[in-house]
C-alpha atoms as a PDB file:
ATOM      1  CA  UNK A   1      -2.538  28.731 -29.479  1.00  0.00           C
ATOM      2  CA  UNK A   2       0.915  27.315 -30.224  1.00  0.00           C
ATOM      3  CA  UNK A   3       2.371  24.800 -27.895  1.00  0.00           C
ATOM      4  CA  UNK A   4       4.915  26.280 -25.581  1.00  0.00           C
ATOM      5  CA  UNK A   5       8.051  24.561 -24.274  1.00  0.00           C
ATOM      6  CA  UNK A   6       7.977  26.354 -20.924  1.00  0.00           C
ATOM      7  CA  UNK A   7       5.163  25.870 -18.390  1.00  0.00           C
ATOM      8  CA  UNK A   8       4.142  29.255 -17.015  1.00  0.00           C
ATOM      9  CA  UNK A   9       4.506  29.639 -13.280  1.00  0.00           C
ATOM     10  CA  UNK A  10       2.858  31.792 -10.603  1.00  0.00           C
ATOM     11  CA  UNK A  11       5.957  34.000 -10.665  1.00  0.00           C
ATOM     12  CA  UNK A  12       5.716  34.351 -14.419  1.00  0.00           C
ATOM     13  CA  UNK A  13       2.108  35.512 -14.219  1.00  0.00           C
ATOM     14  CA  UNK A  14       2.917  37.981 -11.450  1.00  0.00           C
ATOM     15  CA  UNK A  15       5.856  39.420 -13.386  1.00  0.00           C
ATOM     16  CA  UNK A  16       3.796  39.743 -16.613  1.00  0.00           C
ATOM     17  CA  UNK A  17       0.957  41.519 -14.757  1.00  0.00           C
ATOM     18  CA  UNK A  18       3.281  43.973 -13.122  1.00  0.00           C
ATOM     19  CA  UNK A  19       4.930  44.704 -16.516  1.00  0.00           C
ATOM     20  CA  UNK A  20       1.612  45.216 -18.232  1.00  0.00           C
ATOM     21  CA  UNK A  21       0.387  47.628 -15.538  1.00  0.00           C
ATOM     22  CA  UNK A  22       3.539  49.642 -15.788  1.00  0.00           C
ATOM     23  CA  UNK A  23       3.682  49.757 -19.580  1.00  0.00           C
ATOM     24  CA  UNK A  24       0.003  50.523 -20.203  1.00  0.00           C
ATOM     25  CA  UNK A  25      -0.766  52.435 -17.053  1.00  0.00           C
ATOM     26  CA  UNK A  26      -3.899  50.518 -16.474  1.00  0.00           C
ATOM     27  CA  UNK A  27      -5.207  47.087 -15.503  1.00  0.00           C
ATOM     28  CA  UNK A  28      -5.886  44.442 -18.090  1.00  0.00           C
ATOM     29  CA  UNK A  29      -9.599  44.467 -19.189  1.00  0.00           C
ATOM     30  CA  UNK A  30     -10.032  40.866 -18.278  1.00  0.00           C
ATOM     31  CA  UNK A  31      -8.266  37.530 -17.689  1.00  0.00           C
ATOM     32  CA  UNK A  32      -8.964  36.656 -21.281  1.00  0.00           C
ATOM     33  CA  UNK A  33      -7.165  39.804 -22.635  1.00  0.00           C
ATOM     34  CA  UNK A  34      -4.299  39.458 -20.056  1.00  0.00           C
ATOM     35  CA  UNK A  35      -3.758  35.800 -21.006  1.00  0.00           C
ATOM     36  CA  UNK A  36      -4.010  36.381 -24.761  1.00  0.00           C
ATOM     37  CA  UNK A  37      -1.566  39.312 -24.796  1.00  0.00           C
ATOM     38  CA  UNK A  38       0.970  37.386 -22.743  1.00  0.00           C
ATOM     39  CA  UNK A  39       0.674  34.093 -24.705  1.00  0.00           C
ATOM     40  CA  UNK A  40      -0.694  31.705 -22.053  1.00  0.00           C
ATOM     41  CA  UNK A  41      -4.131  30.229 -21.417  1.00  0.00           C
ATOM     42  CA  UNK A  42      -6.865  31.288 -19.142  1.00  0.00           C
ATOM     43  CA  UNK A  43      -6.698  27.779 -17.610  1.00  0.00           C
ATOM     44  CA  UNK A  44      -3.024  28.433 -16.742  1.00  0.00           C
ATOM     45  CA  UNK A  45      -4.023  31.675 -14.980  1.00  0.00           C
ATOM     46  CA  UNK A  46      -6.847  30.043 -13.021  1.00  0.00           C
ATOM     47  CA  UNK A  47      -4.465  27.385 -11.791  1.00  0.00           C
ATOM     48  CA  UNK A  48      -3.014  30.004  -9.601  1.00  0.00           C
ATOM     49  CA  UNK A  49      -5.458  32.903  -9.240  1.00  0.00           C
ATOM     50  CA  UNK A  50      -9.273  33.157  -9.151  1.00  0.00           C
ATOM     51  CA  UNK A  51      -9.477  36.714 -10.355  1.00  0.00           C
ATOM     52  CA  UNK A  52      -7.271  39.628 -11.455  1.00  0.00           C
ATOM     53  CA  UNK A  53      -8.146  41.212  -8.093  1.00  0.00           C
ATOM     54  CA  UNK A  54      -6.816  38.125  -6.470  1.00  0.00           C
ATOM     55  CA  UNK A  55      -3.550  38.503  -8.337  1.00  0.00           C
ATOM     56  CA  UNK A  56      -3.268  42.153  -7.326  1.00  0.00           C
ATOM     57  CA  UNK A  57      -3.597  41.184  -3.630  1.00  0.00           C
ATOM     58  CA  UNK A  58      -1.105  38.349  -4.118  1.00  0.00           C
ATOM     59  CA  UNK A  59       1.526  40.815  -5.309  1.00  0.00           C
ATOM     60  CA  UNK A  60       1.457  42.808  -2.116  1.00  0.00           C
ATOM     61  CA  UNK A  61       1.356  39.651  -0.017  1.00  0.00           C
ATOM     62  CA  UNK A  62       4.490  38.451  -1.839  1.00  0.00           C
ATOM     63  CA  UNK A  63       6.325  41.594  -0.958  1.00  0.00           C
ATOM     64  CA  UNK A  64       5.534  40.758   2.695  1.00  0.00           C
ATOM     65  CA  UNK A  65       6.433  37.117   2.230  1.00  0.00           C
ATOM     66  CA  UNK A  66       9.768  38.019   0.685  1.00  0.00           C
ATOM     67  CA  UNK A  67      10.454  40.370   3.577  1.00  0.00           C
ATOM     68  CA  UNK A  68       9.890  37.673   6.178  1.00  0.00           C
ATOM     69  CA  UNK A  69      11.943  35.096   4.281  1.00  0.00           C
ATOM     70  CA  UNK A  70      14.895  37.555   4.219  1.00  0.00           C
ATOM     71  CA  UNK A  71      14.467  38.277   7.983  1.00  0.00           C
ATOM     72  CA  UNK A  72      14.482  34.591   8.873  1.00  0.00           C
ATOM     73  CA  UNK A  73      17.776  34.126   6.887  1.00  0.00           C
ATOM     74  CA  UNK A  74      19.499  36.443   9.311  1.00  0.00           C
ATOM     75  CA  UNK A  75      20.636  34.384  12.385  1.00  0.00           C
ATOM     76  CA  UNK A  76      20.689  37.534  14.573  1.00  0.00           C
ATOM     77  CA  UNK A  77      17.051  38.401  13.837  1.00  0.00           C
ATOM     78  CA  UNK A  78      15.821  35.450  15.952  1.00  0.00           C
ATOM     79  CA  UNK A  79      17.579  36.949  18.938  1.00  0.00           C
ATOM     80  CA  UNK A  80      15.988  40.377  18.616  1.00  0.00           C
ATOM     81  CA  UNK A  81      13.312  41.736  20.881  1.00  0.00           C
ATOM     82  CA  UNK A  82       9.971  42.685  19.459  1.00  0.00           C
ATOM     83  CA  UNK A  83      10.958  46.287  18.819  1.00  0.00           C
ATOM     84  CA  UNK A  84      14.073  45.430  16.811  1.00  0.00           C
ATOM     85  CA  UNK A  85      12.186  42.751  14.911  1.00  0.00           C
ATOM     86  CA  UNK A  86       9.652  45.283  13.920  1.00  0.00           C
ATOM     87  CA  UNK A  87      12.321  47.829  12.905  1.00  0.00           C
ATOM     88  CA  UNK A  88      13.996  45.083  10.860  1.00  0.00           C
ATOM     89  CA  UNK A  89      10.731  44.286   9.215  1.00  0.00           C
ATOM     90  CA  UNK A  90      10.075  47.879   8.265  1.00  0.00           C
ATOM     91  CA  UNK A  91      13.518  48.579   6.791  1.00  0.00           C
ATOM     92  CA  UNK A  92      13.477  45.292   4.801  1.00  0.00           C
ATOM     93  CA  UNK A  93       9.894  45.681   3.633  1.00  0.00           C
ATOM     94  CA  UNK A  94      10.498  49.186   2.348  1.00  0.00           C
ATOM     95  CA  UNK A  95      13.693  48.161   0.587  1.00  0.00           C
ATOM     96  CA  UNK A  96      11.498  45.645  -1.312  1.00  0.00           C
ATOM     97  CA  UNK A  97       8.868  48.273  -1.976  1.00  0.00           C
ATOM     98  CA  UNK A  98      11.505  50.671  -3.210  1.00  0.00           C
ATOM     99  CA  UNK A  99      12.803  48.043  -5.641  1.00  0.00           C
ATOM    100  CA  UNK A 100       9.242  47.858  -7.030  1.00  0.00           C
ATOM    101  CA  UNK A 101       8.267  51.558  -6.422  1.00  0.00           C
ATOM    102  CA  UNK A 102       7.063  52.251  -9.958  1.00  0.00           C
ATOM    103  CA  UNK A 103       4.582  49.384  -9.772  1.00  0.00           C
ATOM    104  CA  UNK A 104       3.424  50.255  -6.228  1.00  0.00           C
ATOM    105  CA  UNK A 105       2.816  53.879  -7.043  1.00  0.00           C
ATOM    106  CA  UNK A 106       0.937  52.927 -10.272  1.00  0.00           C
ATOM    107  CA  UNK A 107      -1.125  50.248  -8.485  1.00  0.00           C
ATOM    108  CA  UNK A 108      -2.172  52.408  -5.616  1.00  0.00           C
ATOM    109  CA  UNK A 109      -3.447  55.261  -7.808  1.00  0.00           C
ATOM    110  CA  UNK A 110      -4.862  53.443 -10.783  1.00  0.00           C
ATOM    111  CA  UNK A 111      -8.420  53.762  -9.653  1.00  0.00           C
ATOM    112  CA  UNK A 112     -10.109  57.085  -8.963  1.00  0.00           C
ATOM    113  CA  UNK A 113     -11.655  55.677  -5.783  1.00  0.00           C
ATOM    114  CA  UNK A 114      -8.824  55.364  -3.178  1.00  0.00           C
ATOM    115  CA  UNK A 115     -10.686  52.683  -1.304  1.00  0.00           C
ATOM    116  CA  UNK A 116     -10.733  50.420  -4.330  1.00  0.00           C
ATOM    117  CA  UNK A 117      -6.936  50.771  -4.563  1.00  0.00           C
ATOM    118  CA  UNK A 118      -6.555  49.878  -0.953  1.00  0.00           C
ATOM    119  CA  UNK A 119      -8.463  46.591  -1.543  1.00  0.00           C
ATOM    120  CA  UNK A 120      -5.189  45.296  -2.944  1.00  0.00           C
ATOM    121  CA  UNK A 121      -3.673  45.449   0.512  1.00  0.00           C
ATOM    122  CA  UNK A 122      -6.195  43.212   2.216  1.00  0.00           C
ATOM    123  CA  UNK A 123      -4.012  40.049   2.013  1.00  0.00           C
ATOM    124  CA  UNK A 124      -1.034  42.109   3.124  1.00  0.00           C
ATOM    125  CA  UNK A 125      -3.098  43.324   6.098  1.00  0.00           C
ATOM    126  CA  UNK A 126      -3.969  39.823   7.193  1.00  0.00           C
ATOM    127  CA  UNK A 127      -0.411  38.567   6.812  1.00  0.00           C
ATOM    128  CA  UNK A 128       1.075  41.575   8.659  1.00  0.00           C
ATOM    129  CA  UNK A 129      -1.443  41.254  11.582  1.00  0.00           C
ATOM    130  CA  UNK A 130      -0.481  37.631  11.915  1.00  0.00           C
ATOM    131  CA  UNK A 131       3.224  38.619  11.935  1.00  0.00           C
ATOM    132  CA  UNK A 132       2.630  41.154  14.713  1.00  0.00           C
ATOM    133  CA  UNK A 133       0.954  38.387  16.754  1.00  0.00           C
ATOM    134  CA  UNK A 134       3.874  36.105  16.177  1.00  0.00           C
ATOM    135  CA  UNK A 135       6.526  38.476  17.358  1.00  0.00           C
ATOM    136  CA  UNK A 136       4.402  39.724  20.211  1.00  0.00           C
ATOM    137  CA  UNK A 137       6.162  38.957  23.511  1.00  0.00           C
ATOM    138  CA  UNK A 138       4.846  38.705  27.098  1.00  0.00           C
ATOM    139  CA  UNK A 139       6.460  42.054  27.842  1.00  0.00           C
ATOM    140  CA  UNK A 140       3.704  43.679  25.667  1.00  0.00           C
ATOM    141  CA  UNK A 141       0.751  41.654  26.950  1.00  0.00           C
ATOM    142  CA  UNK A 142      -1.502  42.505  29.963  1.00  0.00           C
ATOM    143  CA  UNK A 143      -1.222  40.205  32.891  1.00  0.00           C
ATOM    144  CA  UNK A 144      -4.987  39.934  33.152  1.00  0.00           C
ATOM    145  CA  UNK A 145      -5.994  36.944  30.885  1.00  0.00           C
ATOM    146  CA  UNK A 146      -9.409  38.341  29.962  1.00  0.00           C
ATOM    147  CA  UNK A 147      -7.770  41.452  28.381  1.00  0.00           C
ATOM    148  CA  UNK A 148      -5.012  39.721  26.482  1.00  0.00           C
ATOM    149  CA  UNK A 149      -7.118  38.850  23.370  1.00  0.00           C
ATOM    150  CA  UNK A 150      -8.489  42.419  23.196  1.00  0.00           C
ATOM    151  CA  UNK A 151      -5.089  43.938  23.696  1.00  0.00           C
ATOM    152  CA  UNK A 152      -3.438  41.714  21.113  1.00  0.00           C
ATOM    153  CA  UNK A 153      -6.107  42.694  18.525  1.00  0.00           C
ATOM    154  CA  UNK A 154      -5.747  46.348  19.367  1.00  0.00           C
ATOM    155  CA  UNK A 155      -1.946  46.070  18.911  1.00  0.00           C
ATOM    156  CA  UNK A 156      -2.413  44.358  15.521  1.00  0.00           C
ATOM    157  CA  UNK A 157      -4.806  47.084  14.283  1.00  0.00           C
ATOM    158  CA  UNK A 158      -2.599  49.990  15.529  1.00  0.00           C
ATOM    159  CA  UNK A 159       0.418  48.331  13.937  1.00  0.00           C
ATOM    160  CA  UNK A 160      -1.424  48.149  10.637  1.00  0.00           C
ATOM    161  CA  UNK A 161      -2.443  51.700  10.765  1.00  0.00           C
ATOM    162  CA  UNK A 162       1.207  52.618  11.421  1.00  0.00           C
ATOM    163  CA  UNK A 163       2.262  50.618   8.458  1.00  0.00           C
ATOM    164  CA  UNK A 164      -0.296  52.425   6.275  1.00  0.00           C
ATOM    165  CA  UNK A 165       0.943  55.832   7.519  1.00  0.00           C
ATOM    166  CA  UNK A 166       4.399  54.777   6.640  1.00  0.00           C
ATOM    167  CA  UNK A 167       3.493  53.597   3.136  1.00  0.00           C
ATOM    168  CA  UNK A 168       1.794  57.013   2.578  1.00  0.00           C
ATOM    169  CA  UNK A 169       4.897  58.820   3.890  1.00  0.00           C
ATOM    170  CA  UNK A 170       7.079  56.803   1.569  1.00  0.00           C
ATOM    171  CA  UNK A 171       4.895  57.437  -1.470  1.00  0.00           C
ATOM    172  CA  UNK A 172       5.223  61.214  -0.842  1.00  0.00           C
ATOM    173  CA  UNK A 173       8.869  61.056   0.086  1.00  0.00           C
ATOM    174  CA  UNK A 174      11.175  62.892  -2.414  1.00  0.00           C
ATOM    175  CA  UNK A 175      14.346  62.713  -0.437  1.00  0.00           C
ATOM    176  CA  UNK A 176      17.536  61.053  -1.800  1.00  0.00           C
ATOM    177  CA  UNK A 177      17.487  57.264  -1.148  1.00  0.00           C
ATOM    178  CA  UNK A 178      14.219  57.898   0.737  1.00  0.00           C
ATOM    179  CA  UNK A 179      16.211  58.818   3.830  1.00  0.00           C
ATOM    180  CA  UNK A 180      13.295  60.646   5.347  1.00  0.00           C
ATOM    181  CA  UNK A 181      11.262  57.495   5.322  1.00  0.00           C
ATOM    182  CA  UNK A 182      14.088  55.737   7.175  1.00  0.00           C
ATOM    183  CA  UNK A 183      13.846  58.465   9.828  1.00  0.00           C
ATOM    184  CA  UNK A 184      10.052  58.271   9.894  1.00  0.00           C
ATOM    185  CA  UNK A 185      10.230  54.464  10.481  1.00  0.00           C
ATOM    186  CA  UNK A 186      12.741  54.763  13.409  1.00  0.00           C
ATOM    187  CA  UNK A 187      10.866  57.571  15.090  1.00  0.00           C
ATOM    188  CA  UNK A 188       7.374  56.105  14.638  1.00  0.00           C
ATOM    189  CA  UNK A 189       8.370  52.611  15.807  1.00  0.00           C
ATOM    190  CA  UNK A 190      10.138  54.088  18.823  1.00  0.00           C
ATOM    191  CA  UNK A 191       7.057  56.236  19.583  1.00  0.00           C
ATOM    192  CA  UNK A 192       4.641  53.208  19.249  1.00  0.00           C
ATOM    193  CA  UNK A 193       6.744  51.148  21.695  1.00  0.00           C
ATOM    194  CA  UNK A 194       6.946  53.987  24.167  1.00  0.00           C
ATOM    195  CA  UNK A 195       3.091  53.924  24.071  1.00  0.00           C
ATOM    196  CA  UNK A 196       2.960  50.190  24.724  1.00  0.00           C
ATOM    197  CA  UNK A 197       5.417  50.556  27.566  1.00  0.00           C
ATOM    198  CA  UNK A 198       3.724  53.634  29.036  1.00  0.00           C
ATOM    199  CA  UNK A 199       7.227  54.921  29.261  1.00  0.00           C
ATOM    200  CA  UNK A 200       8.669  58.449  29.245  1.00  0.00           C
ATOM    201  CA  UNK A 201       7.486  60.539  26.259  1.00  0.00           C
ATOM    202  CA  UNK A 202      10.899  61.397  24.754  1.00  0.00           C
ATOM    203  CA  UNK A 203      10.400  59.326  21.556  1.00  0.00           C
ATOM    204  CA  UNK A 204       6.811  60.588  21.142  1.00  0.00           C
ATOM    205  CA  UNK A 205       7.954  64.176  21.447  1.00  0.00           C
ATOM    206  CA  UNK A 206      10.763  63.456  18.976  1.00  0.00           C
ATOM    207  CA  UNK A 207       8.444  61.897  16.448  1.00  0.00           C
ATOM    208  CA  UNK A 208       6.032  64.834  16.807  1.00  0.00           C
ATOM    209  CA  UNK A 209       8.765  67.358  16.149  1.00  0.00           C
ATOM    210  CA  UNK A 210       9.800  65.325  13.075  1.00  0.00           C
ATOM    211  CA  UNK A 211       6.255  65.294  11.633  1.00  0.00           C
ATOM    212  CA  UNK A 212       5.719  69.005  12.387  1.00  0.00           C
ATOM    213  CA  UNK A 213       8.937  69.871  10.596  1.00  0.00           C
ATOM    214  CA  UNK A 214       7.986  67.727   7.598  1.00  0.00           C
ATOM    215  CA  UNK A 215       4.536  69.319   7.357  1.00  0.00           C
ATOM    216  CA  UNK A 216       5.726  72.845   7.713  1.00  0.00           C
ATOM    217  CA  UNK A 217       9.079  72.993   5.830  1.00  0.00           C
ATOM    218  CA  UNK A 218       8.467  70.423   3.112  1.00  0.00           C
ATOM    219  CA  UNK A 219       5.837  72.673   1.618  1.00  0.00           C
ATOM    220  CA  UNK A 220       8.286  75.584   1.143  1.00  0.00           C
END
């Protein structure tokens, strides 16, 4: 292979992989084929990733990492309560997903087995759960120490399920500028915090009405 002037970076490999998936509509057959077609060596690939599957997981983790980086650059974010931090995360994360929508849609339907497609989200899942733990405040923890760990884990898992629901809604959203996803985010986050607070059910009822309307009228 000819000597190259430019050393390939992790970001180069990620970009080339995303381009190949979009252009060919399928994953590369192997690291060998992927490297050869994009004019770098297998050794250069393995310097950053162990497998193609690891690269796929890293792409979604990078979407998350870029989201958090943007949030921390906003001075106001650090003063937000947990609810507003979560809303900020959602809106920023889905802006990044939308900027990469073609790849996300292709990647999450490339295998006939939906569970295999979801394996790509395992690194995102762990990073997101850690994020939830980091922004969790004492207002949302039980006073009894023996229940705190259990409650925190339950909140992490429920937050992850909520994020998955939102991704599914966004994938199916055909509204202009994905405005229905914005509504879904606001109503679902409000509803989840109502549950944590054991507060009045206004937001839960509002969210339920929104879901009912979407299921009934979007099919017409």
